[in-house]
C-alpha cells in the first residue's frame, strides 16, 4: 500500500485550515467588539461620575448664609438643603450636561446639612451590543462641607 492510498482512506482534509482561519477571525472580531463595548461603558460611567462629583461640590458650596454671617465660618455653619438642590441643578444646567450625556436623569440631590449626595443615571450607548442589550449606568457622588480652623 502506498502513502497516497492511505491518505485517501482517512479522508480529504483540504479546506480544514480555511475553516480554522475563519473561526479564528470570528473569535477575534467578537473579542474586539466586547472589549470596545466594555471600554465605552467604562468611559461613559466615568464621565457620569465626574459630572455627579462636580454637581456635589457645587451643592456643597451652598451654605446657609444667615448662619454664616451670624456665627462666621464655624462648625455651626450648615448647608441649606434648598440651596444645595438648586446649586447642583444649576451646575448641571450650566455645563449643558443633558446635551453632552443623552438621556441623563437626576435620580436624587439631597443634603443633611453637612453632606451632599447627587445620584445620576443615563443609558449606556454601546457601539456594538447597544441595540441588543439596553443597560443604564447609575452613579452616586457625595461631597461634605468642612471647615478647617485657620492657623
N, C-alpha and C. Protein backbone atom coordinates (compact mmCIF):
# COMPACT_ATOMS: atom_id res chain seq x y z
N UNK A 1 0.83 -1.16 0.00
CA UNK A 1 0.00 0.00 0.00
C UNK A 1 0.88 1.24 0.00
N UNK A 2 0.54 2.12 -0.84
CA UNK A 2 1.34 3.34 -0.93
C UNK A 2 0.79 4.41 0.00
N UNK A 3 1.59 5.46 0.23
CA UNK A 3 1.20 6.56 1.13
C UNK A 3 -0.01 7.30 0.57
N UNK A 4 -0.05 7.46 -0.74
CA UNK A 4 -1.16 8.18 -1.35
C UNK A 4 -2.48 7.45 -1.09
N UNK A 5 -2.48 6.15 -1.12
CA UNK A 5 -3.69 5.37 -0.87
C UNK A 5 -4.14 5.53 0.58
N UNK A 6 -3.19 5.60 1.52
CA UNK A 6 -3.54 5.76 2.93
C UNK A 6 -4.19 7.11 3.20
N UNK A 7 -3.75 8.18 2.54
CA UNK A 7 -4.33 9.50 2.71
C UNK A 7 -5.77 9.53 2.23
N UNK A 8 -6.05 8.92 1.14
CA UNK A 8 -7.41 8.91 0.63
C UNK A 8 -8.32 8.05 1.49
N UNK A 9 -7.77 7.03 2.15
CA UNK A 9 -8.58 6.22 3.05
C UNK A 9 -9.05 7.01 4.27
N UNK A 10 -8.20 7.90 4.82
CA UNK A 10 -8.54 8.69 6.01
C UNK A 10 -9.51 9.81 5.67
N UNK A 11 -9.58 10.24 4.47
CA UNK A 11 -10.48 11.32 4.09
C UNK A 11 -9.69 12.51 3.59
N UNK A 12 -10.34 13.34 2.85
CA UNK A 12 -9.70 14.52 2.30
C UNK A 12 -9.77 15.66 3.31
N UNK A 13 -8.63 16.25 3.66
CA UNK A 13 -8.58 17.31 4.67
C UNK A 13 -8.36 18.68 4.05
N UNK A 14 -8.52 18.80 2.75
CA UNK A 14 -8.34 20.10 2.13
C UNK A 14 -9.45 21.04 2.58
N UNK A 15 -9.08 22.30 2.91
CA UNK A 15 -10.06 23.29 3.34
C UNK A 15 -10.25 23.36 4.84
N UNK A 16 -9.71 22.43 5.59
CA UNK A 16 -9.89 22.47 7.05
C UNK A 16 -9.12 23.63 7.67
N UNK A 17 -8.00 23.99 7.09
CA UNK A 17 -7.24 25.14 7.61
C UNK A 17 -8.01 26.43 7.34
N UNK A 18 -8.71 26.48 6.22
CA UNK A 18 -9.53 27.65 5.92
C UNK A 18 -10.64 27.81 6.96
N UNK A 19 -11.31 26.73 7.34
CA UNK A 19 -12.34 26.80 8.36
C UNK A 19 -11.76 27.22 9.70
N UNK A 20 -10.61 26.71 10.04
CA UNK A 20 -9.95 27.10 11.28
C UNK A 20 -9.61 28.59 11.25
N UNK A 21 -9.12 29.09 10.12
CA UNK A 21 -8.79 30.51 9.99
C UNK A 21 -10.02 31.40 10.09
N UNK A 22 -11.12 31.00 9.45
CA UNK A 22 -12.36 31.77 9.53
C UNK A 22 -12.88 31.79 10.96
N UNK A 23 -12.83 30.64 11.64
CA UNK A 23 -13.26 30.59 13.04
C UNK A 23 -12.40 31.49 13.92
N UNK A 24 -11.12 31.50 13.69
CA UNK A 24 -10.22 32.36 14.47
C UNK A 24 -10.53 33.84 14.23
N UNK A 25 -10.79 34.23 12.99
CA UNK A 25 -11.13 35.62 12.68
C UNK A 25 -12.44 36.02 13.35
N UNK A 26 -13.43 35.13 13.37
CA UNK A 26 -14.71 35.43 14.02
C UNK A 26 -14.52 35.61 15.51
N UNK A 27 -13.72 34.76 16.14
CA UNK A 27 -13.46 34.88 17.57
C UNK A 27 -12.72 36.19 17.87
N UNK A 28 -11.76 36.55 17.04
CA UNK A 28 -11.02 37.82 17.24
C UNK A 28 -11.95 39.03 17.09
N UNK A 29 -12.83 39.02 16.08
CA UNK A 29 -13.76 40.13 15.90
C UNK A 29 -14.74 40.24 17.07
N UNK A 30 -15.20 39.12 17.58
CA UNK A 30 -16.08 39.12 18.73
C UNK A 30 -15.36 39.67 19.97
N UNK A 31 -14.11 39.29 20.15
CA UNK A 31 -13.33 39.80 21.28
C UNK A 31 -13.11 41.30 21.16
N UNK A 32 -12.85 41.78 19.97
CA UNK A 32 -12.68 43.23 19.76
C UNK A 32 -13.97 43.96 20.07
N UNK A 33 -15.11 43.41 19.65
CA UNK A 33 -16.39 44.05 19.92
C UNK A 33 -16.67 44.11 21.42
N UNK A 34 -16.39 43.04 22.14
CA UNK A 34 -16.63 43.01 23.58
C UNK A 34 -15.72 44.00 24.29
N UNK A 35 -14.45 44.02 23.94
CA UNK A 35 -13.51 44.95 24.58
C UNK A 35 -13.89 46.40 24.28
N UNK A 36 -14.33 46.68 23.06
CA UNK A 36 -14.76 48.03 22.71
C UNK A 36 -15.98 48.46 23.51
N UNK A 37 -16.96 47.58 23.65
CA UNK A 37 -18.16 47.91 24.42
C UNK A 37 -17.86 48.08 25.90
N UNK A 38 -17.01 47.25 26.45
CA UNK A 38 -16.64 47.39 27.87
C UNK A 38 -15.91 48.71 28.09
N UNK A 39 -15.02 49.06 27.18
CA UNK A 39 -14.31 50.34 27.30
C UNK A 39 -15.26 51.53 27.18
N UNK A 40 -16.20 51.45 26.25
CA UNK A 40 -17.18 52.53 26.09
C UNK A 40 -18.03 52.68 27.35
N UNK A 41 -18.45 51.55 27.94
CA UNK A 41 -19.25 51.61 29.17
C UNK A 41 -18.44 52.21 30.31
N UNK A 42 -17.17 51.84 30.42
CA UNK A 42 -16.30 52.39 31.47
C UNK A 42 -16.15 53.90 31.31
N UNK A 43 -15.89 54.35 30.09
CA UNK A 43 -15.70 55.79 29.86
C UNK A 43 -16.99 56.58 30.09
N UNK A 44 -18.14 56.03 29.70
CA UNK A 44 -19.40 56.73 29.93
C UNK A 44 -19.72 56.80 31.42
N UNK A 45 -19.44 55.73 32.13
CA UNK A 45 -19.68 55.74 33.59
C UNK A 45 -18.74 56.73 34.27
N UNK A 46 -17.51 56.79 33.80
CA UNK A 46 -16.54 57.74 34.36
C UNK A 46 -16.97 59.18 34.10
N UNK A 47 -17.48 59.45 32.91
CA UNK A 47 -17.97 60.78 32.58
C UNK A 47 -19.15 61.16 33.46
N UNK A 48 -20.05 60.21 33.68
CA UNK A 48 -21.21 60.44 34.54
C UNK A 48 -20.77 60.68 35.98
N UNK A 49 -19.77 59.94 36.44
CA UNK A 49 -19.27 60.12 37.80
C UNK A 49 -18.60 61.49 37.96
N UNK A 50 -17.88 61.92 36.96
CA UNK A 50 -17.25 63.24 37.00
C UNK A 50 -18.30 64.34 37.08
N UNK A 51 -19.36 64.19 36.33
CA UNK A 51 -20.45 65.16 36.35
C UNK A 51 -21.14 65.19 37.71
N UNK A 52 -21.38 64.02 38.30
CA UNK A 52 -22.00 63.94 39.62
C UNK A 52 -21.09 64.53 40.69
N UNK A 53 -19.79 64.30 40.59
CA UNK A 53 -18.83 64.88 41.54
C UNK A 53 -18.87 66.41 41.49
N UNK A 54 -18.86 66.95 40.28
CA UNK A 54 -18.86 68.40 40.13
C UNK A 54 -20.16 69.00 40.67
N UNK A 55 -21.28 68.33 40.44
CA UNK A 55 -22.57 68.83 40.96
C UNK A 55 -22.60 68.76 42.48
N UNK A 56 -22.03 67.70 43.06
CA UNK A 56 -22.00 67.58 44.52
C UNK A 56 -21.12 68.66 45.14
N UNK A 57 -20.01 68.97 44.50
CA UNK A 57 -19.13 70.03 45.01
C UNK A 57 -19.83 71.38 44.90
N UNK A 58 -20.53 71.61 43.79
CA UNK A 58 -21.28 72.86 43.64
C UNK A 58 -22.36 72.96 44.72
N UNK A 59 -23.01 71.86 45.02
CA UNK A 59 -24.02 71.86 46.08
C UNK A 59 -23.42 72.07 47.45
N UNK A 60 -22.21 71.57 47.69
CA UNK A 60 -21.56 71.72 48.99
C UNK A 60 -21.11 73.15 49.26
N UNK A 61 -21.15 73.97 48.26
CA UNK A 61 -20.78 75.37 48.45
C UNK A 61 -21.98 76.25 48.77
N UNK A 62 -23.15 75.66 48.86
CA UNK A 62 -24.37 76.41 49.14
C UNK A 62 -24.64 76.42 50.64
N UNK A 63 -23.91 77.24 51.34
CA UNK A 63 -24.06 77.30 52.80
C UNK A 63 -25.23 78.18 53.19
N UNK A 64 -25.68 78.00 54.40
CA UNK A 64 -26.73 78.84 54.97
C UNK A 64 -26.08 80.19 55.29
N UNK A 65 -26.33 81.19 54.45
CA UNK A 65 -25.64 82.47 54.60
C UNK A 65 -26.04 83.22 55.86
N UNK A 66 -27.27 83.05 56.32
CA UNK A 66 -27.68 83.70 57.57
C UNK A 66 -26.85 83.21 58.74
N UNK A 67 -26.66 81.89 58.84
CA UNK A 67 -25.84 81.33 59.92
C UNK A 67 -24.37 81.72 59.74
N UNK A 68 -23.93 81.79 58.50
CA UNK A 68 -22.53 82.16 58.24
C UNK A 68 -22.26 83.60 58.69
N UNK A 69 -23.16 84.52 58.35
CA UNK A 69 -22.94 85.91 58.75
C UNK A 69 -23.15 86.12 60.24
N UNK A 70 -23.98 85.30 60.87
CA UNK A 70 -24.21 85.43 62.31
C UNK A 70 -23.07 84.84 63.13
N UNK A 71 -22.57 83.68 62.71
CA UNK A 71 -21.57 82.96 63.51
C UNK A 71 -20.19 82.89 62.88
N UNK A 72 -20.08 83.25 61.63
CA UNK A 72 -18.79 83.12 60.94
C UNK A 72 -18.60 81.69 60.46
N UNK A 73 -17.44 81.44 59.87
CA UNK A 73 -17.13 80.10 59.36
C UNK A 73 -16.76 79.21 60.53
N UNK A 74 -17.74 78.44 60.97
CA UNK A 74 -17.51 77.56 62.12
C UNK A 74 -18.22 76.24 61.88
N UNK A 75 -18.11 75.36 62.84
CA UNK A 75 -18.76 74.06 62.74
C UNK A 75 -20.27 74.22 62.71
N UNK A 76 -20.79 75.29 63.26
CA UNK A 76 -22.23 75.54 63.29
C UNK A 76 -22.80 75.96 61.95
N UNK A 77 -21.96 76.32 61.00
CA UNK A 77 -22.44 76.70 59.68
C UNK A 77 -22.87 75.44 58.94
N UNK A 78 -24.08 75.44 58.46
CA UNK A 78 -24.67 74.26 57.81
C UNK A 78 -25.00 74.56 56.35
N UNK A 79 -25.30 73.49 55.64
CA UNK A 79 -25.77 73.63 54.26
C UNK A 79 -27.28 73.85 54.26
N UNK A 80 -27.73 74.66 53.36
CA UNK A 80 -29.15 74.89 53.18
C UNK A 80 -29.64 73.89 52.13
N UNK A 81 -30.49 72.91 52.52
CA UNK A 81 -30.90 71.87 51.56
C UNK A 81 -31.55 72.41 50.29
N UNK A 82 -32.34 73.47 50.40
CA UNK A 82 -32.95 74.05 49.20
C UNK A 82 -31.91 74.65 48.27
N UNK A 83 -30.94 75.36 48.86
CA UNK A 83 -29.87 75.93 48.05
C UNK A 83 -28.97 74.85 47.46
N UNK A 84 -28.77 73.77 48.20
CA UNK A 84 -27.95 72.67 47.69
C UNK A 84 -28.57 72.10 46.42
N UNK A 85 -29.87 71.82 46.47
CA UNK A 85 -30.55 71.27 45.29
C UNK A 85 -30.49 72.23 44.11
N UNK A 86 -30.75 73.50 44.38
CA UNK A 86 -30.75 74.45 43.25
C UNK A 86 -29.34 74.68 42.72
N UNK A 87 -28.32 74.70 43.59
CA UNK A 87 -26.95 74.91 43.13
C UNK A 87 -26.46 73.72 42.31
N UNK A 88 -26.77 72.51 42.75
CA UNK A 88 -26.34 71.33 41.99
C UNK A 88 -27.07 71.25 40.65
N UNK A 89 -28.37 71.52 40.65
CA UNK A 89 -29.14 71.51 39.40
C UNK A 89 -28.68 72.63 38.47
N UNK A 90 -28.36 73.79 39.04
CA UNK A 90 -27.86 74.90 38.22
C UNK A 90 -26.52 74.55 37.59
N UNK A 91 -25.68 73.85 38.34
CA UNK A 91 -24.39 73.44 37.78
C UNK A 91 -24.60 72.47 36.61
N UNK A 92 -25.52 71.53 36.77
CA UNK A 92 -25.79 70.59 35.68
C UNK A 92 -26.35 71.32 34.46
N UNK A 93 -27.19 72.34 34.68
CA UNK A 93 -27.74 73.10 33.56
C UNK A 93 -26.67 73.98 32.92
N UNK A 94 -25.82 74.58 33.75
CA UNK A 94 -24.78 75.48 33.25
C UNK A 94 -23.75 74.75 32.39
N UNK A 95 -23.46 73.50 32.74
CA UNK A 95 -22.47 72.74 31.98
C UNK A 95 -23.07 71.98 30.80
N UNK A 96 -24.35 72.19 30.51
CA UNK A 96 -25.04 71.51 29.41
C UNK A 96 -24.91 70.00 29.51
N UNK A 97 -25.12 69.49 30.70
CA UNK A 97 -24.96 68.06 30.96
C UNK A 97 -25.94 67.23 30.15
N UNK A 98 -27.17 67.71 29.99
CA UNK A 98 -28.19 66.94 29.28
C UNK A 98 -27.85 66.78 27.80
N UNK A 99 -27.18 67.76 27.21
CA UNK A 99 -26.82 67.63 25.80
C UNK A 99 -25.56 66.81 25.62
N UNK A 100 -24.66 66.83 26.60
CA UNK A 100 -23.43 66.04 26.46
C UNK A 100 -23.66 64.57 26.79
N UNK A 101 -24.63 64.27 27.66
CA UNK A 101 -24.96 62.88 28.00
C UNK A 101 -26.46 62.69 27.72
N UNK A 102 -26.80 62.14 26.55
CA UNK A 102 -28.21 61.96 26.20
C UNK A 102 -28.92 61.02 27.18
N UNK A 103 -30.11 61.39 27.56
CA UNK A 103 -30.90 60.56 28.47
C UNK A 103 -30.51 60.71 29.92
N UNK A 104 -29.77 61.75 30.26
CA UNK A 104 -29.35 61.96 31.64
C UNK A 104 -30.56 62.17 32.53
N UNK A 105 -30.58 61.48 33.66
CA UNK A 105 -31.69 61.60 34.60
C UNK A 105 -31.12 61.85 35.99
N UNK A 106 -31.61 62.90 36.65
CA UNK A 106 -31.19 63.19 38.02
C UNK A 106 -32.04 62.34 38.95
N UNK A 107 -31.44 61.34 39.55
CA UNK A 107 -32.16 60.45 40.46
C UNK A 107 -32.46 61.15 41.78
N UNK A 108 -31.44 61.80 42.36
CA UNK A 108 -31.63 62.40 43.68
C UNK A 108 -30.53 63.43 43.93
N UNK A 109 -30.91 64.54 44.53
CA UNK A 109 -29.98 65.52 45.08
C UNK A 109 -30.48 65.79 46.49
N UNK A 110 -29.68 65.43 47.48
CA UNK A 110 -30.14 65.60 48.86
C UNK A 110 -29.00 66.10 49.74
N UNK A 111 -29.39 66.64 50.88
CA UNK A 111 -28.43 67.16 51.84
C UNK A 111 -28.98 66.99 53.24
N UNK A 112 -28.08 66.69 54.18
CA UNK A 112 -28.48 66.60 55.59
C UNK A 112 -27.91 67.76 56.39
N UNK A 113 -27.40 68.77 55.73
CA UNK A 113 -26.82 69.93 56.41
C UNK A 113 -25.31 69.92 56.39
N UNK A 114 -24.71 68.74 56.25
CA UNK A 114 -23.25 68.63 56.19
C UNK A 114 -22.81 67.91 54.92
N UNK A 115 -23.55 66.90 54.52
CA UNK A 115 -23.21 66.10 53.34
C UNK A 115 -24.16 66.41 52.19
N UNK A 116 -23.65 66.25 50.98
CA UNK A 116 -24.44 66.40 49.77
C UNK A 116 -24.35 65.09 49.01
N UNK A 117 -25.47 64.60 48.52
CA UNK A 117 -25.50 63.37 47.72
C UNK A 117 -26.17 63.68 46.39
N UNK A 118 -25.48 63.36 45.31
CA UNK A 118 -26.02 63.54 43.96
C UNK A 118 -26.01 62.17 43.29
N UNK A 119 -27.16 61.72 42.84
CA UNK A 119 -27.28 60.44 42.14
C UNK A 119 -27.79 60.71 40.73
N UNK A 120 -27.06 60.22 39.72
CA UNK A 120 -27.41 60.40 38.32
C UNK A 120 -27.49 59.05 37.63
N UNK A 121 -28.24 59.00 36.55
CA UNK A 121 -28.28 57.79 35.72
C UNK A 121 -28.43 58.22 34.27
N UNK A 122 -27.95 57.35 33.39
CA UNK A 122 -28.05 57.59 31.95
C UNK A 122 -27.95 56.25 31.24
N UNK A 123 -28.60 56.11 30.09
CA UNK A 123 -28.47 54.86 29.35
C UNK A 123 -27.08 54.74 28.74
N UNK A 124 -26.55 53.53 28.76
CA UNK A 124 -25.25 53.29 28.13
C UNK A 124 -25.42 53.25 26.62
N UNK A 125 -24.50 53.86 25.92
CA UNK A 125 -24.50 53.84 24.47
C UNK A 125 -23.34 52.96 24.02
N UNK A 126 -23.63 51.71 23.75
CA UNK A 126 -22.59 50.75 23.37
C UNK A 126 -22.52 50.66 21.85
N UNK A 127 -21.31 50.71 21.28
CA UNK A 127 -21.18 50.71 19.82
C UNK A 127 -21.65 49.42 19.14
N UNK A 128 -21.36 48.26 19.72
CA UNK A 128 -21.68 47.00 19.05
C UNK A 128 -22.94 46.32 19.60
N UNK A 129 -23.03 46.17 20.92
CA UNK A 129 -24.12 45.43 21.50
C UNK A 129 -25.19 46.33 22.11
N UNK A 130 -25.19 47.61 21.78
CA UNK A 130 -26.18 48.54 22.30
C UNK A 130 -27.61 48.19 21.94
N UNK A 131 -27.91 47.89 20.66
CA UNK A 131 -29.28 47.53 20.31
C UNK A 131 -29.73 46.20 20.92
N UNK A 132 -28.78 45.32 21.23
CA UNK A 132 -29.12 44.01 21.77
C UNK A 132 -29.42 44.08 23.27
N UNK A 133 -28.62 44.87 24.00
CA UNK A 133 -28.73 44.90 25.46
C UNK A 133 -28.80 46.36 25.92
N UNK A 134 -29.94 46.79 26.41
CA UNK A 134 -30.12 48.17 26.90
C UNK A 134 -29.87 48.20 28.40
N UNK A 135 -28.84 48.90 28.81
CA UNK A 135 -28.42 48.96 30.21
C UNK A 135 -28.31 50.43 30.63
N UNK A 136 -28.56 50.71 31.91
CA UNK A 136 -28.41 52.05 32.46
C UNK A 136 -27.21 52.09 33.39
N UNK A 137 -26.51 53.19 33.37
CA UNK A 137 -25.41 53.41 34.31
C UNK A 137 -25.95 54.28 35.44
N UNK A 138 -25.77 53.84 36.67
CA UNK A 138 -26.20 54.59 37.84
C UNK A 138 -24.95 54.95 38.65
N UNK A 139 -24.81 56.21 39.00
CA UNK A 139 -23.68 56.64 39.83
C UNK A 139 -24.19 57.53 40.95
N UNK A 140 -23.43 57.55 42.03
CA UNK A 140 -23.70 58.46 43.14
C UNK A 140 -22.39 59.13 43.52
N UNK A 141 -22.48 60.41 43.81
CA UNK A 141 -21.31 61.15 44.27
C UNK A 141 -21.71 61.94 45.50
N UNK A 142 -20.77 62.11 46.40
CA UNK A 142 -21.08 62.88 47.60
C UNK A 142 -19.97 63.88 47.87
N UNK A 143 -20.33 64.93 48.54
CA UNK A 143 -19.37 65.94 48.97
C UNK A 143 -19.74 66.34 50.39
N UNK A 144 -18.78 66.88 51.11
CA UNK A 144 -19.02 67.23 52.51
C UNK A 144 -18.50 68.63 52.77
N UNK A 145 -19.25 69.36 53.58
CA UNK A 145 -18.86 70.71 53.97
C UNK A 145 -17.94 70.60 55.17
N UNK A 146 -16.72 71.06 55.03
CA UNK A 146 -15.74 71.03 56.13
C UNK A 146 -15.11 72.40 56.30
N UNK A 147 -14.87 72.75 57.53
CA UNK A 147 -14.15 73.97 57.84
C UNK A 147 -12.88 73.60 58.58
N UNK A 148 -11.79 74.16 58.16
CA UNK A 148 -10.55 73.96 58.87
C UNK A 148 -10.23 75.23 59.64
N UNK A 149 -9.88 75.09 60.88
CA UNK A 149 -9.53 76.30 61.63
C UNK A 149 -8.27 76.94 61.06
N UNK A 150 -8.27 78.23 61.00
CA UNK A 150 -7.09 78.91 60.45
C UNK A 150 -5.95 78.81 61.45
N UNK A 151 -4.70 78.67 60.95
CA UNK A 151 -3.55 78.50 61.84
C UNK A 151 -3.23 79.74 62.65
